[in-house]
Amino acid sequence: MAYGFSGSINDFIALSKQGSIGHILSQNRQLSGGHPLSREVEAIWNDDALVLANFLLTIDIPQESTYFMLNEYDIPGHLGRCDVVMLGADAKATKHASVFELKRWLTFSARIFDHT
């Protein structure tokens, strides 16, 4: 399956600080057999990666744990992709999995419906 990033959470945090993570995710998706990201999505990742990295730092993942991330991962058997999949095990070998779907809409419109 295609992916934009595959590695440790610490590697993701370091990469997010480089400022061009969106382009890196896009290139890695192509190298792993997927479609590149649009320029708009690349730009969004450049900003949102820092927000995600700061969040990951605040949840205080224990150093004795092993966690792994996949970003912009193609969902098997599906035509979509997932923003973040995080897998790991804590110090007691309890396995954990988290899926993050980041939502920053490029455009939207509001409609008010009268329910009377």
N, C-alpha and C. Protein backbone atom coordinates (compact mmCIF):
# COMPACT_ATOMS: atom_id res chain seq x y z
N MET A 1 0.83 -1.19 0.00
CA MET A 1 0.00 0.00 0.00
C MET A 1 0.87 1.25 0.00
N ALA A 2 0.39 2.24 -0.67
CA ALA A 2 1.13 3.51 -0.75
C ALA A 2 1.02 4.27 0.56
N TYR A 3 2.06 5.03 0.87
CA TYR A 3 2.09 5.83 2.09
C TYR A 3 3.02 7.02 1.86
N GLY A 4 2.80 8.06 2.66
CA GLY A 4 3.64 9.25 2.58
C GLY A 4 4.75 9.26 3.60
N PHE A 5 4.51 8.65 4.74
CA PHE A 5 5.52 8.56 5.78
C PHE A 5 5.35 7.23 6.49
N SER A 6 6.46 6.63 6.83
CA SER A 6 6.48 5.40 7.59
C SER A 6 7.69 5.47 8.51
N GLY A 7 7.45 5.51 9.82
CA GLY A 7 8.57 5.60 10.75
C GLY A 7 8.12 5.84 12.16
N SER A 8 9.07 6.20 12.99
CA SER A 8 8.77 6.43 14.40
C SER A 8 8.10 7.79 14.60
N ILE A 9 7.46 7.94 15.73
CA ILE A 9 6.85 9.22 16.07
C ILE A 9 7.92 10.29 16.20
N ASN A 10 9.05 9.94 16.79
CA ASN A 10 10.14 10.91 16.90
C ASN A 10 10.63 11.36 15.53
N ASP A 11 10.71 10.43 14.57
CA ASP A 11 11.11 10.80 13.21
C ASP A 11 10.10 11.75 12.58
N PHE A 12 8.79 11.48 12.82
CA PHE A 12 7.76 12.36 12.28
C PHE A 12 7.87 13.76 12.88
N ILE A 13 8.07 13.83 14.18
CA ILE A 13 8.18 15.13 14.85
C ILE A 13 9.35 15.92 14.27
N ALA A 14 10.49 15.26 14.09
CA ALA A 14 11.67 15.93 13.51
C ALA A 14 11.38 16.38 12.08
N LEU A 15 10.73 15.53 11.29
CA LEU A 15 10.42 15.86 9.90
C LEU A 15 9.45 17.02 9.81
N SER A 16 8.50 17.09 10.75
CA SER A 16 7.49 18.16 10.72
C SER A 16 8.11 19.54 10.87
N LYS A 17 9.26 19.60 11.52
CA LYS A 17 9.93 20.89 11.76
C LYS A 17 10.70 21.39 10.55
N GLN A 18 10.85 20.56 9.52
CA GLN A 18 11.60 20.96 8.33
C GLN A 18 10.82 21.90 7.42
N GLY A 19 9.49 21.91 7.55
CA GLY A 19 8.68 22.86 6.78
C GLY A 19 8.23 22.39 5.42
N SER A 20 8.76 21.31 4.90
CA SER A 20 8.36 20.83 3.57
C SER A 20 7.82 19.41 3.63
N ILE A 21 7.21 19.06 4.74
CA ILE A 21 6.74 17.69 4.92
C ILE A 21 5.68 17.31 3.89
N GLY A 22 4.86 18.26 3.48
CA GLY A 22 3.83 17.96 2.49
C GLY A 22 4.42 17.43 1.19
N HIS A 23 5.47 18.06 0.73
CA HIS A 23 6.13 17.61 -0.50
C HIS A 23 6.80 16.25 -0.30
N ILE A 24 7.37 16.04 0.86
CA ILE A 24 8.01 14.75 1.18
C ILE A 24 6.95 13.64 1.19
N LEU A 25 5.80 13.89 1.81
CA LEU A 25 4.72 12.91 1.82
C LEU A 25 4.28 12.57 0.40
N SER A 26 4.17 13.59 -0.42
CA SER A 26 3.75 13.40 -1.81
C SER A 26 4.76 12.55 -2.58
N GLN A 27 6.03 12.87 -2.44
CA GLN A 27 7.08 12.10 -3.13
C GLN A 27 7.10 10.65 -2.65
N ASN A 28 6.99 10.44 -1.34
CA ASN A 28 7.01 9.08 -0.81
C ASN A 28 5.80 8.27 -1.28
N ARG A 29 4.65 8.93 -1.43
CA ARG A 29 3.47 8.23 -1.95
C ARG A 29 3.74 7.74 -3.36
N GLN A 30 4.36 8.57 -4.17
CA GLN A 30 4.68 8.16 -5.54
C GLN A 30 5.69 7.01 -5.54
N LEU A 31 6.72 7.11 -4.70
CA LEU A 31 7.74 6.06 -4.64
C LEU A 31 7.18 4.73 -4.16
N SER A 32 6.11 4.76 -3.36
CA SER A 32 5.51 3.53 -2.84
C SER A 32 4.31 3.07 -3.69
N GLY A 33 4.16 3.65 -4.87
CA GLY A 33 3.14 3.18 -5.81
C GLY A 33 1.81 3.91 -5.78
N GLY A 34 1.74 5.03 -5.09
CA GLY A 34 0.48 5.77 -5.00
C GLY A 34 0.50 7.05 -5.80
N HIS A 35 -0.60 7.76 -5.71
CA HIS A 35 -0.72 9.06 -6.37
C HIS A 35 -0.15 10.14 -5.47
N PRO A 36 0.45 11.17 -6.07
CA PRO A 36 0.97 12.27 -5.25
C PRO A 36 -0.18 13.07 -4.64
N LEU A 37 0.14 13.86 -3.64
CA LEU A 37 -0.82 14.76 -3.03
C LEU A 37 -0.95 16.01 -3.90
N SER A 38 -2.10 16.67 -3.81
CA SER A 38 -2.26 17.94 -4.51
C SER A 38 -1.40 19.00 -3.82
N ARG A 39 -1.13 20.08 -4.50
CA ARG A 39 -0.35 21.18 -3.89
C ARG A 39 -1.07 21.74 -2.67
N GLU A 40 -2.41 21.78 -2.74
CA GLU A 40 -3.18 22.29 -1.60
C GLU A 40 -3.01 21.38 -0.37
N VAL A 41 -3.07 20.08 -0.59
CA VAL A 41 -2.91 19.14 0.52
C VAL A 41 -1.48 19.18 1.05
N GLU A 42 -0.51 19.32 0.17
CA GLU A 42 0.88 19.48 0.62
C GLU A 42 1.02 20.68 1.54
N ALA A 43 0.42 21.81 1.14
CA ALA A 43 0.51 23.04 1.94
C ALA A 43 -0.18 22.86 3.29
N ILE A 44 -1.30 22.16 3.30
CA ILE A 44 -2.01 21.91 4.55
C ILE A 44 -1.15 21.07 5.48
N TRP A 45 -0.50 20.03 4.94
CA TRP A 45 0.37 19.19 5.77
C TRP A 45 1.53 19.99 6.35
N ASN A 46 2.07 20.94 5.60
CA ASN A 46 3.18 21.75 6.11
C ASN A 46 2.79 22.45 7.40
N ASP A 47 1.54 22.90 7.48
CA ASP A 47 1.05 23.57 8.69
C ASP A 47 0.57 22.57 9.75
N ASP A 48 -0.24 21.61 9.31
CA ASP A 48 -0.87 20.69 10.26
C ASP A 48 0.10 19.71 10.87
N ALA A 49 1.22 19.41 10.21
CA ALA A 49 2.21 18.49 10.78
C ALA A 49 2.77 19.05 12.08
N LEU A 50 2.96 20.36 12.13
CA LEU A 50 3.45 20.98 13.36
C LEU A 50 2.43 20.87 14.48
N VAL A 51 1.16 21.06 14.14
CA VAL A 51 0.09 20.93 15.14
C VAL A 51 0.03 19.48 15.64
N LEU A 52 0.11 18.52 14.72
CA LEU A 52 0.09 17.11 15.11
C LEU A 52 1.32 16.77 15.95
N ALA A 53 2.48 17.27 15.56
CA ALA A 53 3.71 17.01 16.32
C ALA A 53 3.59 17.55 17.74
N ASN A 54 3.07 18.76 17.89
CA ASN A 54 2.89 19.33 19.23
C ASN A 54 1.90 18.52 20.05
N PHE A 55 0.85 18.04 19.40
CA PHE A 55 -0.11 17.18 20.11
C PHE A 55 0.57 15.90 20.59
N LEU A 56 1.36 15.28 19.72
CA LEU A 56 2.04 14.04 20.08
C LEU A 56 2.99 14.25 21.26
N LEU A 57 3.59 15.42 21.32
CA LEU A 57 4.47 15.73 22.44
C LEU A 57 3.69 15.92 23.74
N THR A 58 2.46 16.43 23.65
CA THR A 58 1.67 16.68 24.86
C THR A 58 1.05 15.41 25.42
N ILE A 59 0.87 14.37 24.61
CA ILE A 59 0.26 13.15 25.15
C ILE A 59 1.29 12.29 25.86
N ASP A 60 2.54 12.72 25.81
CA ASP A 60 3.59 12.11 26.63
C ASP A 60 3.67 10.60 26.44
N ILE A 61 3.99 10.20 25.23
CA ILE A 61 4.17 8.77 24.94
C ILE A 61 5.39 8.29 25.69
N PRO A 62 5.24 7.25 26.51
CA PRO A 62 6.38 6.78 27.31
C PRO A 62 7.57 6.37 26.46
N GLN A 63 8.76 6.73 26.90
CA GLN A 63 9.98 6.42 26.15
C GLN A 63 10.22 4.92 26.06
N GLU A 64 9.73 4.15 27.03
CA GLU A 64 9.96 2.71 27.00
C GLU A 64 9.00 1.99 26.05
N SER A 65 8.12 2.74 25.41
CA SER A 65 7.17 2.16 24.46
C SER A 65 7.70 2.25 23.04
N THR A 66 7.18 1.42 22.19
CA THR A 66 7.55 1.45 20.79
C THR A 66 6.30 1.79 19.98
N TYR A 67 6.35 2.89 19.25
CA TYR A 67 5.23 3.32 18.43
C TYR A 67 5.71 3.59 17.01
N PHE A 68 4.83 3.37 16.06
CA PHE A 68 5.13 3.47 14.65
C PHE A 68 4.01 4.25 13.98
N MET A 69 4.33 5.10 13.01
CA MET A 69 3.34 5.90 12.32
C MET A 69 3.35 5.65 10.82
N LEU A 70 2.16 5.72 10.24
CA LEU A 70 1.99 5.77 8.79
C LEU A 70 1.15 7.01 8.51
N ASN A 71 1.58 7.83 7.57
CA ASN A 71 0.82 9.03 7.20
C ASN A 71 0.47 8.98 5.72
N GLU A 72 -0.73 9.47 5.41
CA GLU A 72 -1.25 9.43 4.04
C GLU A 72 -1.16 8.01 3.49
N TYR A 73 -1.73 7.10 4.27
CA TYR A 73 -1.70 5.66 3.98
C TYR A 73 -2.94 5.26 3.19
N ASP A 74 -2.73 4.58 2.05
CA ASP A 74 -3.85 4.08 1.27
C ASP A 74 -4.56 2.97 2.04
N ILE A 75 -5.86 3.09 2.18
CA ILE A 75 -6.65 2.10 2.90
C ILE A 75 -6.83 0.88 1.99
N PRO A 76 -6.39 -0.29 2.45
CA PRO A 76 -6.51 -1.49 1.60
C PRO A 76 -7.96 -1.77 1.19
N GLY A 77 -8.15 -2.07 -0.07
CA GLY A 77 -9.48 -2.39 -0.57
C GLY A 77 -10.42 -1.20 -0.68
N HIS A 78 -9.87 -0.02 -0.60
CA HIS A 78 -10.67 1.21 -0.59
C HIS A 78 -10.00 2.22 -1.50
N LEU A 79 -10.72 3.17 -1.99
CA LEU A 79 -10.13 4.16 -2.88
C LEU A 79 -9.63 5.40 -2.14
N GLY A 80 -9.70 5.39 -0.84
CA GLY A 80 -9.29 6.55 -0.06
C GLY A 80 -7.98 6.31 0.67
N ARG A 81 -7.62 7.30 1.46
CA ARG A 81 -6.42 7.17 2.27
C ARG A 81 -6.69 7.74 3.65
N CYS A 82 -5.89 7.32 4.59
CA CYS A 82 -6.03 7.74 5.98
C CYS A 82 -4.89 8.69 6.31
N ASP A 83 -5.18 9.75 7.03
CA ASP A 83 -4.14 10.73 7.36
C ASP A 83 -3.06 10.14 8.25
N VAL A 84 -3.44 9.51 9.35
CA VAL A 84 -2.45 8.99 10.30
C VAL A 84 -2.93 7.66 10.90
N VAL A 85 -2.06 6.68 10.87
CA VAL A 85 -2.27 5.42 11.58
C VAL A 85 -1.10 5.29 12.54
N MET A 86 -1.38 5.07 13.81
CA MET A 86 -0.33 4.94 14.81
C MET A 86 -0.49 3.58 15.49
N LEU A 87 0.58 2.81 15.48
CA LEU A 87 0.59 1.47 16.05
C LEU A 87 1.70 1.36 17.07
N GLY A 88 1.47 0.58 18.11
CA GLY A 88 2.54 0.41 19.07
C GLY A 88 2.17 -0.49 20.23
N ALA A 89 3.12 -0.64 21.11
CA ALA A 89 2.92 -1.42 22.33
C ALA A 89 3.58 -0.68 23.48
N ASP A 90 2.93 -0.73 24.63
CA ASP A 90 3.50 -0.05 25.79
C ASP A 90 4.51 -0.95 26.50
N ALA A 91 4.99 -0.49 27.63
CA ALA A 91 6.03 -1.21 28.36
C ALA A 91 5.57 -2.59 28.82
N LYS A 92 4.26 -2.78 28.95
CA LYS A 92 3.72 -4.08 29.36
C LYS A 92 3.34 -4.95 28.16
N ALA A 93 3.75 -4.51 26.95
CA ALA A 93 3.49 -5.23 25.69
C ALA A 93 2.01 -5.22 25.30
N THR A 94 1.24 -4.29 25.86
CA THR A 94 -0.15 -4.12 25.45
C THR A 94 -0.15 -3.38 24.13
N LYS A 95 -0.79 -3.97 23.12
CA LYS A 95 -0.80 -3.37 21.79
C LYS A 95 -1.85 -2.26 21.72
N HIS A 96 -1.51 -1.19 20.99
CA HIS A 96 -2.40 -0.05 20.81
C HIS A 96 -2.43 0.33 19.34
N ALA A 97 -3.56 0.86 18.90
CA ALA A 97 -3.69 1.39 17.54
C ALA A 97 -4.57 2.62 17.60
N SER A 98 -4.19 3.63 16.85
CA SER A 98 -4.99 4.86 16.76
C SER A 98 -5.04 5.27 15.30
N VAL A 99 -6.18 5.80 14.91
CA VAL A 99 -6.35 6.33 13.56
C VAL A 99 -6.80 7.77 13.70
N PHE A 100 -6.08 8.68 13.03
CA PHE A 100 -6.42 10.10 13.04
C PHE A 100 -6.82 10.50 11.63
N GLU A 101 -7.95 11.12 11.53
CA GLU A 101 -8.36 11.69 10.25
C GLU A 101 -8.44 13.20 10.47
N LEU A 102 -7.47 13.91 9.92
CA LEU A 102 -7.40 15.36 10.08
C LEU A 102 -8.39 16.00 9.12
N LYS A 103 -9.13 16.97 9.58
CA LYS A 103 -10.14 17.59 8.73
C LYS A 103 -9.91 19.10 8.63
N ARG A 104 -9.32 19.48 7.56
CA ARG A 104 -9.25 20.91 7.25
C ARG A 104 -9.81 21.07 5.85
N TRP A 105 -11.04 21.55 5.79
CA TRP A 105 -11.71 21.69 4.52
C TRP A 105 -11.15 22.88 3.76
N LEU A 106 -10.93 22.71 2.47
CA LEU A 106 -10.45 23.81 1.64
C LEU A 106 -11.54 24.85 1.45
N THR A 107 -12.78 24.40 1.27
CA THR A 107 -13.92 25.31 1.14
C THR A 107 -15.14 24.61 1.75
N PHE A 108 -16.10 25.39 2.14
CA PHE A 108 -17.36 24.83 2.60
C PHE A 108 -18.43 25.89 2.47
N SER A 109 -19.66 25.46 2.49
CA SER A 109 -20.78 26.40 2.47
C SER A 109 -21.75 25.98 3.55
N ALA A 110 -22.35 26.95 4.19
CA ALA A 110 -23.32 26.67 5.25
C ALA A 110 -24.72 26.85 4.71
N ARG A 111 -25.60 26.00 5.15
CA ARG A 111 -27.01 26.11 4.76
C ARG A 111 -27.83 26.05 6.03
N ILE A 112 -28.81 26.91 6.10
CA ILE A 112 -29.70 26.92 7.26
C ILE A 112 -31.03 26.33 6.81
N PHE A 113 -31.47 25.31 7.54
CA PHE A 113 -32.73 24.65 7.21
C PHE A 113 -33.76 25.02 8.25
N ASP A 114 -34.94 25.37 7.81
CA ASP A 114 -36.04 25.70 8.70
C ASP A 114 -36.74 24.40 9.09
N HIS A 115 -36.73 24.08 10.37
CA HIS A 115 -37.31 22.83 10.84
C HIS A 115 -38.74 23.01 11.35
N THR A 116 -39.39 24.12 11.04
CA THR A 116 -40.77 24.33 11.54
C THR A 116 -41.79 23.83 10.57
